[in-house]
N, C-alpha and C. Protein backbone atom coordinates (compact mmCIF):
# COMPACT_ATOMS: atom_id res chain seq x y z
N ASN A 1 -25.73 85.29 -3.35
CA ASN A 1 -25.97 86.54 -2.28
C ASN A 1 -24.93 86.95 -1.91
N GLN A 2 -24.26 88.63 -2.53
CA GLN A 2 -23.65 89.17 -2.59
C GLN A 2 -23.07 89.64 -0.62
N GLY A 3 -24.06 89.87 0.10
CA GLY A 3 -24.37 90.08 1.16
C GLY A 3 -23.03 88.97 2.32
N GLY A 4 -23.92 87.85 1.71
CA GLY A 4 -23.01 86.81 2.37
C GLY A 4 -21.64 86.32 1.79
N PHE A 5 -21.47 86.95 0.72
CA PHE A 5 -19.76 87.03 0.13
C PHE A 5 -19.00 87.95 0.74
N HIS A 6 -19.86 88.99 0.95
CA HIS A 6 -19.12 90.15 1.61
C HIS A 6 -18.61 89.85 3.08
N ARG A 7 -19.51 88.84 3.50
CA ARG A 7 -18.95 88.68 5.18
C ARG A 7 -17.94 87.48 5.28
N ILE A 8 -17.92 86.40 3.89
CA ILE A 8 -17.10 85.91 4.05
C ILE A 8 -15.77 86.17 3.59
N LEU A 9 -15.68 87.41 3.08
CA LEU A 9 -14.10 88.29 2.73
C LEU A 9 -14.05 88.69 3.64
N SER A 10 -14.91 89.42 4.65
CA SER A 10 -14.25 89.94 5.56
C SER A 10 -13.93 89.18 6.78
N HIS A 11 -14.69 88.05 7.01
CA HIS A 11 -13.90 87.39 7.96
C HIS A 11 -12.54 86.74 7.70
N PHE A 12 -12.54 86.28 6.49
CA PHE A 12 -11.31 85.93 5.68
C PHE A 12 -10.08 87.11 5.99
N LEU A 13 -10.30 88.37 5.67
CA LEU A 13 -9.40 89.29 5.67
C LEU A 13 -8.72 89.34 7.66
N LYS A 14 -10.18 88.99 8.29
CA LYS A 14 -9.70 88.72 9.72
C LYS A 14 -8.45 87.79 10.14
N VAL A 15 -9.09 86.55 9.78
CA VAL A 15 -8.64 85.48 10.12
C VAL A 15 -6.99 84.54 9.59
N CYS A 16 -7.21 85.35 8.02
CA CYS A 16 -6.49 84.10 7.34
C CYS A 16 -5.58 85.19 6.29
N SER A 17 -5.79 86.09 6.72
CA SER A 17 -4.57 87.48 5.92
C SER A 17 -3.32 86.90 4.99
N ARG A 18 -2.54 85.99 5.71
CA ARG A 18 -1.44 85.31 5.07
C ARG A 18 -2.08 84.12 4.81
N SER A 19 -3.25 83.70 4.44
CA SER A 19 -3.44 82.70 3.92
C SER A 19 -2.55 81.96 2.58
N LEU A 20 -3.20 80.52 2.35
CA LEU A 20 -2.21 80.12 0.89
C LEU A 20 -3.06 81.19 -0.53
N GLY A 21 -1.89 80.80 -1.01
CA GLY A 21 -1.88 81.95 -2.32
C GLY A 21 -3.37 81.40 -3.38
N VAL A 22 -3.34 79.91 -3.49
CA VAL A 22 -4.61 79.48 -3.72
C VAL A 22 -5.94 79.84 -3.90
N GLU A 23 -6.01 80.23 -2.15
CA GLU A 23 -7.31 80.85 -1.47
C GLU A 23 -7.07 81.88 -1.85
N TRP A 24 -6.31 82.84 -1.90
CA TRP A 24 -6.65 84.33 -2.46
C TRP A 24 -7.20 84.33 -3.97
N VAL A 25 -6.40 83.63 -4.70
CA VAL A 25 -6.74 83.28 -5.85
C VAL A 25 -8.24 83.23 -6.44
N THR A 26 -8.32 82.12 -5.83
CA THR A 26 -10.30 81.63 -5.76
C THR A 26 -10.74 82.80 -4.97
N LEU A 27 -10.76 83.40 -3.65
CA LEU A 27 -11.84 84.26 -3.58
C LEU A 27 -11.63 85.40 -4.44
N ALA A 28 -10.43 86.06 -4.84
CA ALA A 28 -10.45 87.07 -5.99
C ALA A 28 -11.18 86.80 -6.98
N SER A 29 -11.33 85.80 -7.57
CA SER A 29 -11.68 85.07 -9.14
C SER A 29 -13.16 85.49 -8.87
N ILE A 30 -13.60 84.88 -7.73
CA ILE A 30 -15.32 84.84 -7.60
C ILE A 30 -15.78 86.50 -7.17
N ALA A 31 -14.58 87.08 -6.43
CA ALA A 31 -15.36 88.44 -6.25
C ALA A 31 -14.74 89.19 -7.73
N GLN A 32 -13.97 88.83 -8.64
CA GLN A 32 -14.03 89.72 -9.69
C GLN A 32 -15.05 89.30 -10.54
N GLU A 33 -15.65 88.10 -10.70
CA GLU A 33 -16.77 87.09 -11.62
C GLU A 33 -18.03 88.19 -11.19
N ARG A 34 -17.82 88.47 -9.53
CA ARG A 34 -19.23 88.84 -9.72
C ARG A 34 -19.25 90.66 -9.50
N GLY A 35 -18.30 91.03 -9.96
CA GLY A 35 -17.86 92.62 -10.34
C GLY A 35 -17.87 93.17 -8.64
N LEU A 36 -17.18 92.73 -7.88
CA LEU A 36 -17.00 92.95 -6.41
C LEU A 36 -15.81 94.08 -6.37
N GLN A 37 -15.45 95.24 -6.66
CA GLN A 37 -14.38 96.09 -6.97
C GLN A 37 -14.13 96.73 -5.66
N SER A 38 -15.09 97.07 -4.71
CA SER A 38 -14.66 97.42 -3.45
C SER A 38 -15.24 96.92 -2.39
N LEU A 39 -14.05 95.99 -1.83
CA LEU A 39 -14.28 95.32 -0.41
C LEU A 39 -13.39 95.42 0.32
N ASN A 40 -13.21 96.50 1.28
CA ASN A 40 -13.16 96.58 2.26
C ASN A 40 -11.47 96.22 2.43
N GLY A 41 -10.39 96.76 1.76
CA GLY A 41 -9.03 96.29 1.64
C GLY A 41 -8.86 94.97 0.89
N PHE A 42 -9.80 94.44 0.66
CA PHE A 42 -9.66 92.79 -0.19
C PHE A 42 -8.25 92.94 -1.26
N TRP A 43 -8.67 93.95 -2.13
CA TRP A 43 -8.44 93.93 -3.34
C TRP A 43 -6.48 94.37 -2.80
N ALA A 44 -6.49 95.65 -2.15
CA ALA A 44 -5.40 96.05 -1.91
C ALA A 44 -4.18 94.80 -1.07
N GLN A 45 -4.82 93.89 -0.47
CA GLN A 45 -4.02 92.69 0.19
C GLN A 45 -3.96 91.63 -0.88
N PHE A 46 -4.70 91.30 -1.71
CA PHE A 46 -4.35 90.61 -2.69
C PHE A 46 -3.64 91.08 -3.83
N GLU A 47 -3.76 92.49 -4.18
CA GLU A 47 -2.49 92.93 -5.25
C GLU A 47 -1.00 92.82 -4.18
N SER A 48 -1.02 93.17 -3.06
CA SER A 48 0.52 93.44 -2.62
C SER A 48 0.60 91.82 -2.03
N PHE A 49 0.04 91.01 -1.62
CA PHE A 49 0.49 89.59 -1.43
C PHE A 49 0.95 88.89 -2.33
N VAL A 50 -0.47 88.64 -3.33
CA VAL A 50 -0.25 87.37 -4.52
C VAL A 50 0.12 88.26 -6.19
N LEU A 51 -1.17 89.18 -6.40
CA LEU A 51 -0.67 89.59 -8.27
C LEU A 51 0.52 90.59 -8.11
N ALA A 52 0.77 91.46 -7.51
CA ALA A 52 2.10 92.04 -7.91
C ALA A 52 3.38 91.41 -7.61
N PRO A 53 3.60 90.56 -6.75
CA PRO A 53 4.50 89.75 -6.78
C PRO A 53 5.00 88.88 -7.45
N ALA A 54 3.71 88.17 -8.25
CA ALA A 54 4.16 86.85 -9.27
C ALA A 54 4.11 88.17 -10.52
N LEU A 55 3.47 89.31 -10.80
CA LEU A 55 4.10 89.76 -12.04
C LEU A 55 5.01 90.57 -11.78
N ARG A 56 5.68 90.60 -11.04
CA ARG A 56 7.41 91.25 -10.60
C ARG A 56 8.18 89.59 -11.04
N HIS A 57 7.49 88.61 -10.61
CA HIS A 57 8.63 87.35 -11.23
C HIS A 57 8.46 87.48 -12.36
N LEU A 58 7.71 87.15 -13.12
CA LEU A 58 7.54 86.75 -14.34
C LEU A 58 7.63 88.05 -15.25
N GLU A 59 8.15 88.93 -14.96
CA GLU A 59 8.30 90.23 -15.54
C GLU A 59 10.06 90.28 -15.37
N ALA A 60 10.52 89.63 -14.50
CA ALA A 60 11.77 89.91 -13.90
C ALA A 60 12.60 88.55 -15.04
N LEU A 61 11.82 87.53 -14.98
CA LEU A 61 12.15 86.28 -16.01
C LEU A 61 12.39 86.91 -17.68
N ARG A 62 11.16 87.26 -17.81
CA ARG A 62 11.36 87.97 -19.15
C ARG A 62 12.21 89.04 -19.64
N VAL A 63 12.73 89.78 -18.68
CA VAL A 63 13.99 90.88 -18.94
C VAL A 63 15.49 90.48 -18.97
N ALA A 64 15.57 88.70 -18.00
CA ALA A 64 16.58 88.44 -18.04
C ALA A 64 17.41 88.63 -19.16
N MET A 65 19.01 89.17 -18.92
CA MET A 65 19.95 89.32 -20.07
C MET A 65 20.32 87.62 -20.17
N SER A 66 20.76 87.01 -19.28
CA SER A 66 21.49 85.77 -19.58
C SER A 66 20.56 84.63 -19.03
N GLU A 67 21.08 83.70 -19.41
CA GLU A 67 20.87 82.19 -18.63
C GLU A 67 20.92 81.91 -17.54
N VAL A 68 22.39 82.60 -16.81
CA VAL A 68 22.31 82.53 -15.46
C VAL A 68 21.24 83.65 -14.24
N THR A 69 21.47 84.74 -15.18
CA THR A 69 20.41 85.41 -14.49
C THR A 69 18.98 84.93 -14.42
N PHE A 70 18.90 84.17 -15.64
CA PHE A 70 17.04 83.59 -15.64
C PHE A 70 17.04 82.87 -14.67
N ASN A 71 17.82 81.61 -14.62
CA ASN A 71 18.03 80.54 -13.68
C ASN A 71 17.96 81.08 -12.67
N GLU A 72 18.70 81.89 -11.88
CA GLU A 72 18.45 82.72 -10.48
C GLU A 72 17.25 82.84 -10.20
N ARG A 73 16.21 83.76 -10.86
CA ARG A 73 15.18 84.41 -10.96
C ARG A 73 14.34 83.27 -10.74
N PHE A 74 14.67 82.19 -11.70
CA PHE A 74 13.29 81.69 -11.75
C PHE A 74 13.19 80.31 -10.41
N GLN A 75 14.53 80.71 -9.68
CA GLN A 75 14.65 79.91 -8.58
C GLN A 75 14.14 80.48 -7.06
N THR A 76 14.35 81.98 -7.67
CA THR A 76 13.71 82.91 -6.64
C THR A 76 12.12 82.62 -6.75
N MET A 77 11.60 82.70 -8.35
CA MET A 77 10.14 82.65 -8.19
C MET A 77 9.60 81.60 -7.72
N GLN A 78 10.55 80.39 -7.90
CA GLN A 78 9.73 78.89 -7.25
C GLN A 78 9.78 79.03 -5.92
N ARG A 79 10.78 79.38 -5.20
CA ARG A 79 10.77 79.36 -3.75
C ARG A 79 9.60 80.51 -2.98
N TRP A 80 9.23 81.23 -4.03
CA TRP A 80 7.85 82.15 -3.45
C TRP A 80 6.41 81.85 -3.89
N VAL A 81 6.83 80.75 -5.12
CA VAL A 81 5.40 80.06 -5.45
C VAL A 81 5.56 78.67 -4.01
N ASP A 82 6.38 77.98 -4.15
CA ASP A 82 6.14 76.94 -3.05
C ASP A 82 5.88 77.56 -1.38
N GLU A 83 6.43 78.96 -1.22
CA GLU A 83 6.19 79.14 0.21
C GLU A 83 4.59 79.44 0.24
N ILE A 84 4.14 80.66 -0.63
CA ILE A 84 2.72 81.08 -0.75
C ILE A 84 2.05 79.60 -0.89
N GLN A 85 1.89 78.83 -1.74
CA GLN A 85 1.35 77.86 -2.44
C GLN A 85 0.71 78.17 -3.57
N LEU A 86 0.97 79.18 -4.36
CA LEU A 86 0.37 79.50 -5.57
C LEU A 86 0.40 78.31 -7.02
N PRO A 87 -0.36 77.35 -6.98
CA PRO A 87 -0.13 77.34 -8.07
C PRO A 87 -0.11 77.77 -9.50
N HIS A 88 -1.33 78.32 -9.49
CA HIS A 88 -1.74 79.47 -10.53
C HIS A 88 -2.74 80.42 -10.26
N LEU A 89 -2.50 81.39 -10.92
CA LEU A 89 -3.46 82.84 -10.82
C LEU A 89 -4.43 82.73 -11.07
N GLY A 90 -5.24 81.40 -11.70
CA GLY A 90 -6.63 81.24 -12.12
C GLY A 90 -6.53 81.96 -13.42
N PRO A 91 -8.01 81.91 -14.01
CA PRO A 91 -8.18 82.17 -15.56
C PRO A 91 -8.71 83.89 -15.58
N LYS A 92 -9.25 84.15 -14.49
CA LYS A 92 -9.17 85.59 -14.09
C LYS A 92 -8.14 86.73 -14.55
N PHE A 93 -6.95 86.20 -13.63
CA PHE A 93 -5.65 86.87 -13.66
C PHE A 93 -4.73 86.57 -14.52
N LEU A 94 -5.04 85.34 -15.57
CA LEU A 94 -4.18 84.37 -16.54
C LEU A 94 -3.75 85.82 -17.44
N THR A 95 -4.47 86.47 -18.21
CA THR A 95 -3.75 87.52 -19.08
C THR A 95 -3.03 88.51 -18.39
N ASP A 96 -3.02 89.06 -17.38
CA ASP A 96 -2.01 89.93 -16.54
C ASP A 96 -0.93 89.10 -16.13
N ALA A 97 -0.72 87.80 -16.26
CA ALA A 97 0.68 87.00 -16.23
C ALA A 97 1.14 86.94 -17.31
N LEU A 98 0.09 86.49 -18.50
CA LEU A 98 0.78 86.18 -19.88
C LEU A 98 1.42 87.53 -20.33
N LEU A 99 0.79 89.04 -20.20
CA LEU A 99 1.27 89.57 -20.61
C LEU A 99 2.21 90.53 -19.81
N ALA A 100 2.74 90.00 -18.50
CA ALA A 100 3.75 90.20 -18.01
C ALA A 100 5.33 89.42 -18.13
N ALA A 101 4.93 87.96 -18.63
CA ALA A 101 5.85 86.98 -18.85
C ALA A 101 6.28 87.54 -20.80
N GLY A 102 5.42 88.34 -21.50
CA GLY A 102 5.71 89.03 -22.66
C GLY A 102 4.81 88.22 -23.42
N ALA A 103 3.94 87.89 -23.60
CA ALA A 103 2.91 87.27 -24.64
C ALA A 103 2.62 88.31 -25.09
N GLN A 104 2.07 88.31 -26.58
CA GLN A 104 1.44 89.38 -27.01
C GLN A 104 -0.21 89.09 -27.16
N ARG A 105 -0.90 89.92 -27.01
CA ARG A 105 -2.40 89.47 -27.22
C ARG A 105 -2.54 89.00 -28.67
N ALA A 106 -3.33 88.18 -28.53
CA ALA A 106 -3.79 88.03 -30.23
C ALA A 106 -5.21 87.56 -30.05
N GLN A 107 -6.11 87.81 -31.31
CA GLN A 107 -7.45 87.33 -31.26
C GLN A 107 -7.48 86.24 -30.81
N SER A 108 -8.78 86.12 -30.48
CA SER A 108 -8.91 84.60 -29.72
C SER A 108 -10.20 84.22 -29.84
N THR A 109 -10.61 83.09 -30.32
CA THR A 109 -12.25 82.40 -29.85
C THR A 109 -12.85 81.94 -29.14
N ALA A 110 -14.00 82.05 -28.43
CA ALA A 110 -14.42 81.23 -27.56
C ALA A 110 -14.26 79.55 -28.13
N GLU A 111 -14.16 79.33 -29.31
CA GLU A 111 -14.19 77.90 -29.35
C GLU A 111 -12.56 77.23 -29.26
N TRP A 112 -11.72 77.99 -29.63
CA TRP A 112 -10.38 77.68 -29.07
C TRP A 112 -10.09 77.41 -27.70
N MET A 113 -10.83 78.92 -26.52
CA MET A 113 -11.09 78.38 -25.21
C MET A 113 -10.87 77.32 -24.97
N MET A 114 -12.21 77.34 -25.38
CA MET A 114 -13.25 76.00 -24.90
C MET A 114 -12.16 74.49 -25.38
N GLU A 115 -11.77 74.66 -26.29
CA GLU A 115 -10.74 73.06 -26.54
C GLU A 115 -9.76 73.25 -25.88
N ALA A 116 -8.98 74.61 -25.34
CA ALA A 116 -7.49 74.45 -24.76
C ALA A 116 -7.71 73.98 -22.99
N ARG A 117 -9.32 74.58 -22.55
CA ARG A 117 -9.38 74.17 -21.32
C ARG A 117 -9.72 72.92 -21.13
N ALA A 118 -10.67 72.20 -22.23
CA ALA A 118 -10.60 70.91 -22.14
C ALA A 118 -9.66 69.76 -22.19
N ALA A 119 -8.64 70.29 -23.10
CA ALA A 119 -7.31 69.52 -23.01
C ALA A 119 -6.40 69.48 -21.86
N VAL A 120 -6.61 70.72 -21.20
CA VAL A 120 -5.62 70.96 -19.87
C VAL A 120 -6.08 70.00 -18.72
N ALA A 121 -7.64 70.16 -18.87
CA ALA A 121 -8.27 69.77 -17.55
C ALA A 121 -8.40 67.78 -18.08
N ASP A 122 -8.13 67.74 -19.02
CA ASP A 122 -8.04 66.03 -19.37
C ASP A 122 -6.87 65.63 -19.05
N THR A 123 -6.19 66.43 -19.41
CA THR A 123 -4.22 66.08 -18.93
C THR A 123 -4.31 66.26 -17.32
N ALA A 124 -4.59 67.12 -17.18
CA ALA A 124 -4.50 67.32 -15.52
C ALA A 124 -5.40 66.87 -14.46
N TRP A 125 -6.26 65.89 -14.99
CA TRP A 125 -7.62 65.60 -14.12
C TRP A 125 -6.92 65.01 -12.80
N TRP A 126 -5.57 64.54 -12.58
CA TRP A 126 -4.98 64.05 -11.61
C TRP A 126 -4.57 64.93 -10.81
N SER A 127 -4.71 66.14 -10.98
CA SER A 127 -4.54 67.55 -9.84
C SER A 127 -5.52 67.09 -8.61
N CYS A 128 -4.66 67.49 -7.60
CA CYS A 128 -5.16 67.85 -6.04
C CYS A 128 -4.82 69.00 -5.27
N PRO A 129 -5.81 69.79 -4.94
CA PRO A 129 -5.71 70.65 -4.29
C PRO A 129 -4.29 70.95 -3.43
N LYS A 130 -4.10 69.42 -2.63
CA LYS A 130 -3.28 69.55 -1.43
C LYS A 130 -2.11 69.18 -2.09
N ALA A 131 -2.15 68.61 -3.35
CA ALA A 131 -0.46 68.94 -3.71
C ALA A 131 0.45 69.41 -3.59
N ALA A 132 1.69 68.89 -3.68
CA ALA A 132 3.00 70.35 -3.72
C ALA A 132 2.62 71.11 -4.81
N VAL A 133 2.51 72.59 -4.48
CA VAL A 133 2.59 73.11 -5.39
C VAL A 133 4.07 73.52 -6.19
N SER A 134 4.33 73.66 -7.40
CA SER A 134 5.53 73.71 -7.80
C SER A 134 5.08 74.24 -9.33
N SER A 135 5.76 75.42 -9.75
CA SER A 135 5.58 75.93 -11.06
C SER A 135 6.53 74.79 -12.18
N GLN A 136 6.84 73.80 -11.72
CA GLN A 136 7.53 72.90 -12.62
C GLN A 136 6.39 72.17 -13.24
N GLY A 137 4.90 71.75 -12.18
CA GLY A 137 3.75 71.17 -13.02
C GLY A 137 2.91 71.88 -14.06
N VAL A 138 3.62 73.04 -14.74
CA VAL A 138 2.54 73.75 -15.56
C VAL A 138 1.93 73.04 -16.30
N VAL A 139 0.58 73.31 -16.83
CA VAL A 139 0.24 72.54 -17.75
C VAL A 139 -0.27 73.03 -18.81
N ALA A 140 -0.17 73.15 -20.06
CA ALA A 140 -0.46 74.35 -20.75
C ALA A 140 -1.18 73.21 -22.44
N PHE A 141 -1.77 74.64 -23.03
CA PHE A 141 -2.59 73.75 -24.55
C PHE A 141 -1.83 74.88 -25.14
N LEU A 142 -1.08 74.64 -26.49
CA LEU A 142 -0.75 75.22 -27.60
C LEU A 142 -1.15 74.87 -28.37
N SER A 143 -1.31 75.58 -29.38
CA SER A 143 -2.17 75.75 -31.24
C SER A 143 -1.37 76.87 -31.91
N ALA A 144 -1.23 76.54 -32.91
CA ALA A 144 0.03 77.31 -34.15
C ALA A 144 -0.50 77.23 -35.26
N GLU A 145 -0.56 78.56 -35.69
CA GLU A 145 -0.81 78.24 -37.24
C GLU A 145 0.25 79.51 -37.98
N LEU A 146 0.86 78.82 -38.76
CA LEU A 146 2.36 79.61 -39.33
C LEU A 146 1.69 79.57 -40.87
N GLN A 147 2.11 80.73 -41.70
CA GLN A 147 1.45 80.43 -43.12
C GLN A 147 2.65 81.59 -43.52
N VAL A 148 3.28 81.07 -44.61
CA VAL A 148 4.60 81.79 -45.29
C VAL A 148 4.25 81.50 -46.72
N GLY A 149 4.05 82.49 -47.50
CA GLY A 149 3.44 82.63 -48.73
C GLY A 149 2.11 81.73 -48.73
N ALA A 150 2.35 80.91 -49.53
CA ALA A 150 0.87 80.05 -49.82
C ALA A 150 0.94 78.65 -49.26
N ARG A 151 2.00 78.22 -48.14
CA ARG A 151 2.03 77.08 -47.59
C ARG A 151 1.93 77.46 -46.00
N ARG A 152 0.81 76.63 -45.79
CA ARG A 152 0.17 77.00 -44.45
C ARG A 152 0.40 75.63 -43.33
N VAL A 153 1.08 75.74 -42.23
CA VAL A 153 0.98 74.74 -41.29
C VAL A 153 0.40 74.76 -39.64
N THR A 154 -0.61 74.23 -39.56
CA THR A 154 -1.46 73.99 -38.66
C THR A 154 -1.14 73.04 -37.44
N ASP A 155 -0.98 73.22 -35.60
CA ASP A 155 -0.63 72.54 -35.17
C ASP A 155 -1.28 73.00 -33.75
N PRO A 156 -2.57 72.09 -33.18
CA PRO A 156 -3.19 70.69 -34.14
C PRO A 156 -4.25 71.59 -34.98
């Protein structure tokens, strides 16, 4: 029921505008999944409180010219993550985050994504929404295929 969700978002904006980052991401993910692009200021507030700062932090890390600068920017980002309690940007905003961090788009398959999500879920089963939030606890699934001439290496 879209009307019910609109009421939830309206109430959220009235009483929880500076709520936890994870709550913003959860609601934004649901809204995006439902195709709700005009939500009485919700998107503007989500963008200014969560998404834009997160992308700026990731971009700042990407362009750091020295290890010292990188470490300072990382500590700044970590303080911000802890302050707003933002453990992730969710699957709906992951591409934005990866691009800001400097990842290049590659062709992907649904099979690879399902395998990656299952592997991460299996590893992070212990995660708890009330646990301390830290970018030190990122869990990722990596797979690579390298071909040089006739030799090919795949992991895993």
